[in-house]
Amino acid sequence: SPYVKGEHLFVEPGGAGNSVVCLDKNSGEVVWKAGDDAAAYATPRVLELAGKPTLVSFNGFGVVGRDPADGREYWRMRWKTSYDVNSASPQAIGGGRLFVSSGYGTGCAMYKVGGSGPEEIWKNDNMKNKHTVSVLHDGLLYGFDEDDLVCLDPDSGERRWKEGGYDKGGLIIAGGKLVIQGENGKLAIGDASAKGFKADWEEKVFDEFHCWNHPVLANGRLFAKGVKGNVVAMKVK
């Protein structure tokens, strides 16, 4: 997906000479193009790393950090995934740390980003984000390890808990609540807690599978989209 920051819009079409393209969001004119890496689904994002804004790409090669002003490459790090599918954008965790995760049996890692690039803090397979970015709340990461909902300690990489029931899914957080859309058509809302997940409300809203969309919360309504294009909107108290 495109990413907007300030007056710029960043996209990753992939390919020779334009793996990352920066556009003027008002005119559509090209500000700069850079790189030769293949695209890999993840959205590029500007993160604060090593004391400066860094455009972080998660492409078919791996993770690349650039100057968002002109596309100049700061550093690059190989991250190999089956089929070169890196879909969940890396996250800045605080303290100059960068969390990276992908599915297809690959796993996750935490890096400390300095002037020379990322240095590994830990790496394991406790969180395999296949298509959805994890969320950070009160110092803990919540996300999908392939088919299971997981709470991960970002300092150690250890799991606090793992729960099934939604297959692969997407999630957001609002008011301390996890809002989950499972690929099996279930929607659920419950507390983001280090002790486990218990839904305050849960309902199967789609009789279809592979619902790989994030739920959306806006203006007191919860929106969900199924794989066949069906959309559900509900009032949220």
Foldseek 3Di string as FASTA:
>chain_A
DWDDDDQWIWDQQAAPFARIWIARNVPRHTPGGDDGFGAAAAYWDFDQAQNRTWTWGQGLQGIWTADPNYGHTQDDDGQHAVVSHQAAGWDDLDPRKIKGAAAPQRAIFIFRQHSNGTDTPDTDLPAHQHHEYWDDDPQWTWAHSQQWTWIARNNPRDTLDIGGDQGHWYWDDDPQWIWIHGQCQKTFIFGPDSNDTDTPDMDRDDNHGRQHDYWDDDPQWIWGAHPVGDIDIDGHD
